[in-house]
N, C-alpha and C. Protein backbone atom coordinates (compact mmCIF):
# COMPACT_ATOMS: atom_id res chain seq x y z
N MET A 1 -2.61 -48.10 22.67
CA MET A 1 -3.69 -47.38 22.02
C MET A 1 -3.30 -45.91 21.77
N LYS A 2 -2.65 -45.31 22.78
CA LYS A 2 -2.23 -43.92 22.61
C LYS A 2 -1.17 -43.80 21.52
N LYS A 3 -0.27 -44.79 21.45
CA LYS A 3 0.76 -44.76 20.41
C LYS A 3 0.14 -44.85 19.03
N LEU A 4 -0.89 -45.68 18.91
CA LEU A 4 -1.57 -45.85 17.62
C LEU A 4 -2.25 -44.55 17.19
N LEU A 5 -2.93 -43.88 18.11
CA LEU A 5 -3.60 -42.62 17.80
C LEU A 5 -2.57 -41.53 17.45
N LEU A 6 -1.49 -41.49 18.23
CA LEU A 6 -0.46 -40.50 17.97
C LEU A 6 0.22 -40.75 16.63
N THR A 7 0.51 -41.99 16.32
CA THR A 7 1.13 -42.35 15.05
C THR A 7 0.21 -42.02 13.88
N THR A 8 -1.07 -42.32 14.02
CA THR A 8 -2.05 -42.02 12.97
C THR A 8 -2.16 -40.50 12.75
N PHE A 9 -2.19 -39.75 13.85
CA PHE A 9 -2.27 -38.29 13.74
C PHE A 9 -1.05 -37.72 13.02
N VAL A 10 0.13 -38.17 13.41
CA VAL A 10 1.36 -37.69 12.78
C VAL A 10 1.41 -38.09 11.31
N LEU A 11 0.96 -39.30 11.00
CA LEU A 11 0.96 -39.78 9.62
C LEU A 11 0.04 -38.93 8.75
N PHE A 12 -1.18 -38.70 9.23
CA PHE A 12 -2.12 -37.92 8.42
C PHE A 12 -1.71 -36.44 8.35
N SER A 13 -1.12 -35.93 9.41
CA SER A 13 -0.63 -34.53 9.37
C SER A 13 0.49 -34.41 8.35
N GLY A 14 1.41 -35.35 8.36
CA GLY A 14 2.50 -35.34 7.39
C GLY A 14 2.01 -35.46 5.97
N LEU A 15 1.04 -36.36 5.74
CA LEU A 15 0.47 -36.51 4.39
C LEU A 15 -0.27 -35.24 3.96
N GLY A 16 -0.96 -34.62 4.89
CA GLY A 16 -1.66 -33.37 4.57
C GLY A 16 -0.70 -32.29 4.14
N ILE A 17 0.38 -32.15 4.87
CA ILE A 17 1.40 -31.15 4.52
C ILE A 17 2.06 -31.51 3.20
N LEU A 18 2.31 -32.77 2.99
CA LEU A 18 2.95 -33.22 1.76
C LEU A 18 2.10 -32.91 0.54
N PHE A 19 0.80 -33.22 0.62
CA PHE A 19 -0.08 -32.99 -0.53
C PHE A 19 -0.47 -31.53 -0.69
N ALA A 20 -0.57 -30.81 0.41
CA ALA A 20 -0.94 -29.40 0.33
C ALA A 20 0.20 -28.59 -0.28
N GLY A 21 1.41 -28.89 0.08
CA GLY A 21 2.56 -28.19 -0.47
C GLY A 21 2.61 -26.75 -0.03
N ASP A 22 3.37 -25.97 -0.75
CA ASP A 22 3.52 -24.55 -0.47
C ASP A 22 2.47 -23.81 -1.28
N GLY A 23 1.33 -23.56 -0.69
CA GLY A 23 0.21 -22.94 -1.38
C GLY A 23 0.45 -21.50 -1.80
N CYS A 24 1.41 -20.84 -1.22
CA CYS A 24 1.66 -19.44 -1.54
C CYS A 24 2.74 -19.25 -2.59
N ALA A 25 3.26 -20.32 -3.14
CA ALA A 25 4.39 -20.20 -4.07
C ALA A 25 4.01 -19.48 -5.36
N ASP A 26 2.75 -19.58 -5.79
CA ASP A 26 2.35 -18.97 -7.05
C ASP A 26 1.93 -17.51 -6.92
N TYR A 27 1.84 -17.02 -5.70
CA TYR A 27 1.39 -15.65 -5.48
C TYR A 27 2.59 -14.72 -5.42
N ALA A 28 2.37 -13.50 -5.88
CA ALA A 28 3.44 -12.50 -5.82
C ALA A 28 3.65 -12.09 -4.37
N SER A 29 4.87 -11.98 -3.98
CA SER A 29 5.15 -11.57 -2.61
C SER A 29 5.24 -10.06 -2.55
N VAL A 30 4.86 -9.52 -1.43
CA VAL A 30 4.93 -8.09 -1.22
C VAL A 30 6.00 -7.84 -0.18
N LYS A 31 6.97 -7.07 -0.55
CA LYS A 31 8.06 -6.76 0.36
C LYS A 31 7.82 -5.39 0.96
N ASP A 32 8.43 -5.14 2.10
CA ASP A 32 8.27 -3.85 2.76
C ASP A 32 8.70 -2.71 1.86
N LYS A 33 9.74 -2.93 1.06
CA LYS A 33 10.24 -1.88 0.19
C LYS A 33 9.19 -1.51 -0.86
N ASP A 34 8.39 -2.48 -1.32
CA ASP A 34 7.38 -2.20 -2.32
C ASP A 34 6.29 -1.30 -1.78
N LEU A 35 6.02 -1.40 -0.49
CA LEU A 35 4.94 -0.62 0.10
C LEU A 35 5.38 0.77 0.56
N SER A 36 6.66 0.97 0.64
CA SER A 36 7.15 2.22 1.21
C SER A 36 7.06 3.35 0.20
N LYS A 37 6.86 4.52 0.73
CA LYS A 37 6.87 5.73 -0.09
C LYS A 37 8.07 6.54 0.37
N THR A 38 8.50 7.43 -0.48
CA THR A 38 9.52 8.35 -0.03
C THR A 38 8.87 9.33 0.93
N THR A 39 9.66 10.10 1.58
CA THR A 39 9.14 11.07 2.54
C THR A 39 8.25 12.07 1.83
N GLN A 40 7.07 12.27 2.40
CA GLN A 40 6.15 13.23 1.80
C GLN A 40 6.58 14.64 2.19
N GLU A 41 6.51 15.53 1.22
CA GLU A 41 6.83 16.93 1.50
C GLU A 41 5.62 17.79 1.16
N ILE A 42 5.37 18.76 2.02
CA ILE A 42 4.25 19.69 1.79
C ILE A 42 4.71 20.70 0.75
N VAL A 43 4.02 20.72 -0.38
CA VAL A 43 4.42 21.63 -1.46
C VAL A 43 3.48 22.82 -1.59
N LEU A 44 2.27 22.72 -0.97
CA LEU A 44 1.32 23.82 -1.08
C LEU A 44 0.31 23.72 0.05
N THR A 45 -0.04 24.87 0.62
CA THR A 45 -1.11 24.95 1.61
C THR A 45 -2.08 26.01 1.13
N SER A 46 -3.35 25.61 0.98
CA SER A 46 -4.35 26.53 0.46
C SER A 46 -5.74 26.10 0.93
N ASN A 47 -6.55 27.05 1.36
CA ASN A 47 -7.93 26.79 1.77
C ASN A 47 -8.03 25.66 2.79
N ASN A 48 -7.19 25.69 3.81
CA ASN A 48 -7.16 24.67 4.86
C ASN A 48 -6.82 23.29 4.34
N LEU A 49 -6.22 23.20 3.17
CA LEU A 49 -5.80 21.92 2.61
C LEU A 49 -4.30 21.97 2.34
N GLN A 50 -3.66 20.83 2.51
CA GLN A 50 -2.23 20.72 2.22
C GLN A 50 -2.04 19.74 1.08
N LEU A 51 -1.18 20.09 0.15
CA LEU A 51 -0.82 19.21 -0.95
C LEU A 51 0.54 18.61 -0.62
N LEU A 52 0.57 17.28 -0.51
CA LEU A 52 1.81 16.57 -0.21
C LEU A 52 2.26 15.82 -1.45
N LYS A 53 3.55 15.85 -1.71
CA LYS A 53 4.13 15.22 -2.89
C LYS A 53 5.11 14.15 -2.44
N TYR A 54 5.08 12.98 -3.11
CA TYR A 54 6.03 11.92 -2.82
C TYR A 54 6.21 11.06 -4.06
N SER A 55 7.17 10.17 -4.03
CA SER A 55 7.40 9.24 -5.13
C SER A 55 7.09 7.84 -4.64
N ASP A 56 6.37 7.06 -5.46
CA ASP A 56 6.07 5.68 -5.08
C ASP A 56 7.26 4.78 -5.41
N HIS A 57 7.11 3.49 -5.22
CA HIS A 57 8.23 2.56 -5.41
C HIS A 57 8.69 2.46 -6.86
N ASN A 58 7.85 2.91 -7.80
CA ASN A 58 8.25 2.91 -9.22
C ASN A 58 8.92 4.22 -9.62
N GLY A 59 8.99 5.18 -8.70
CA GLY A 59 9.58 6.48 -9.01
C GLY A 59 8.58 7.47 -9.57
N THR A 60 7.30 7.10 -9.59
CA THR A 60 6.25 7.98 -10.09
C THR A 60 5.87 9.00 -9.02
N THR A 61 5.73 10.25 -9.41
CA THR A 61 5.32 11.29 -8.46
C THR A 61 3.84 11.15 -8.19
N ARG A 62 3.49 11.09 -6.92
CA ARG A 62 2.10 10.95 -6.49
C ARG A 62 1.78 12.07 -5.51
N PHE A 63 0.49 12.35 -5.34
CA PHE A 63 0.05 13.44 -4.48
C PHE A 63 -0.99 12.97 -3.49
N THR A 64 -0.97 13.58 -2.31
CA THR A 64 -1.97 13.36 -1.28
C THR A 64 -2.47 14.71 -0.84
N ILE A 65 -3.76 14.83 -0.60
CA ILE A 65 -4.34 16.06 -0.08
C ILE A 65 -4.93 15.76 1.28
N GLN A 66 -4.55 16.57 2.25
CA GLN A 66 -5.11 16.41 3.58
C GLN A 66 -5.45 17.78 4.15
N ASP A 67 -6.39 17.78 5.10
CA ASP A 67 -6.71 19.06 5.72
C ASP A 67 -5.69 19.35 6.82
N LEU A 68 -5.80 20.51 7.44
CA LEU A 68 -4.81 20.92 8.42
C LEU A 68 -4.82 20.05 9.68
N ASP A 69 -5.92 19.33 9.91
CA ASP A 69 -6.00 18.42 11.06
C ASP A 69 -5.28 17.11 10.79
N GLY A 70 -4.92 16.87 9.54
CA GLY A 70 -4.23 15.63 9.18
C GLY A 70 -5.14 14.58 8.57
N THR A 71 -6.43 14.89 8.42
CA THR A 71 -7.36 13.96 7.81
C THR A 71 -7.12 13.93 6.31
N VAL A 72 -6.94 12.74 5.76
CA VAL A 72 -6.65 12.59 4.34
C VAL A 72 -7.94 12.78 3.55
N VAL A 73 -7.91 13.70 2.62
CA VAL A 73 -9.06 13.97 1.74
C VAL A 73 -8.97 13.11 0.48
N ALA A 74 -7.79 13.02 -0.09
CA ALA A 74 -7.53 12.20 -1.28
C ALA A 74 -6.08 11.78 -1.23
N GLU A 75 -5.81 10.55 -1.67
CA GLU A 75 -4.44 10.07 -1.61
C GLU A 75 -4.08 9.28 -2.85
N ASP A 76 -2.79 9.16 -3.06
CA ASP A 76 -2.23 8.36 -4.15
C ASP A 76 -2.76 8.80 -5.51
N MET A 77 -2.75 10.12 -5.74
CA MET A 77 -3.26 10.67 -7.00
C MET A 77 -2.10 11.01 -7.92
N SER A 78 -2.33 10.79 -9.20
CA SER A 78 -1.37 11.24 -10.20
C SER A 78 -1.61 12.72 -10.48
N ARG A 79 -0.76 13.30 -11.28
CA ARG A 79 -0.93 14.72 -11.63
C ARG A 79 -2.23 14.94 -12.39
N LEU A 80 -2.59 14.00 -13.25
CA LEU A 80 -3.85 14.11 -14.00
C LEU A 80 -5.06 14.04 -13.07
N GLU A 81 -5.03 13.11 -12.12
CA GLU A 81 -6.13 13.01 -11.15
C GLU A 81 -6.23 14.28 -10.31
N LEU A 82 -5.09 14.84 -9.95
CA LEU A 82 -5.08 16.10 -9.20
C LEU A 82 -5.71 17.21 -10.02
N ARG A 83 -5.36 17.27 -11.31
CA ARG A 83 -5.90 18.30 -12.20
C ARG A 83 -7.42 18.17 -12.35
N ILE A 84 -7.93 16.95 -12.40
CA ILE A 84 -9.37 16.73 -12.59
C ILE A 84 -10.15 16.96 -11.30
N ASP A 85 -9.66 16.41 -10.18
CA ASP A 85 -10.41 16.46 -8.93
C ASP A 85 -10.24 17.76 -8.16
N PHE A 86 -9.08 18.38 -8.25
CA PHE A 86 -8.79 19.61 -7.51
C PHE A 86 -8.13 20.63 -8.44
N PRO A 87 -8.87 21.18 -9.40
CA PRO A 87 -8.25 22.08 -10.38
C PRO A 87 -7.68 23.36 -9.76
N GLU A 88 -8.33 23.87 -8.71
CA GLU A 88 -7.84 25.11 -8.10
C GLU A 88 -6.50 24.89 -7.39
N ILE A 89 -6.32 23.74 -6.78
CA ILE A 89 -5.04 23.42 -6.13
C ILE A 89 -3.98 23.17 -7.18
N GLU A 90 -4.34 22.47 -8.24
CA GLU A 90 -3.38 22.16 -9.29
C GLU A 90 -2.89 23.43 -9.99
N LYS A 91 -3.80 24.40 -10.18
CA LYS A 91 -3.39 25.66 -10.81
C LYS A 91 -2.40 26.42 -9.93
N LYS A 92 -2.65 26.42 -8.61
CA LYS A 92 -1.73 27.10 -7.72
C LYS A 92 -0.39 26.37 -7.65
N PHE A 93 -0.43 25.06 -7.77
CA PHE A 93 0.80 24.26 -7.75
C PHE A 93 1.61 24.51 -9.00
N GLU A 94 0.96 24.72 -10.13
CA GLU A 94 1.65 24.97 -11.41
C GLU A 94 2.44 26.27 -11.35
N SER A 95 1.85 27.30 -10.74
CA SER A 95 2.50 28.61 -10.75
C SER A 95 3.53 28.78 -9.68
């Protein structure tokens, strides 16, 4: 009786795996390199805020703003987003 139950369990488990297949094959994989950023460098400190500059995995320059305590105020911003959201910081960065 135990052999029959064990055989049935193994059979149905094998069939389940066979029919289910590799469900993740159609999804894009995310590699560690894709998520990594280059080292952030502080390019400006003003009004208790720091402007950090880095390049993403596509080579695009991105900006993060954090306060002096390290709390992130805004992150992953393009130059245009920086200009719109923080015009006073962007003006100081330009000069």
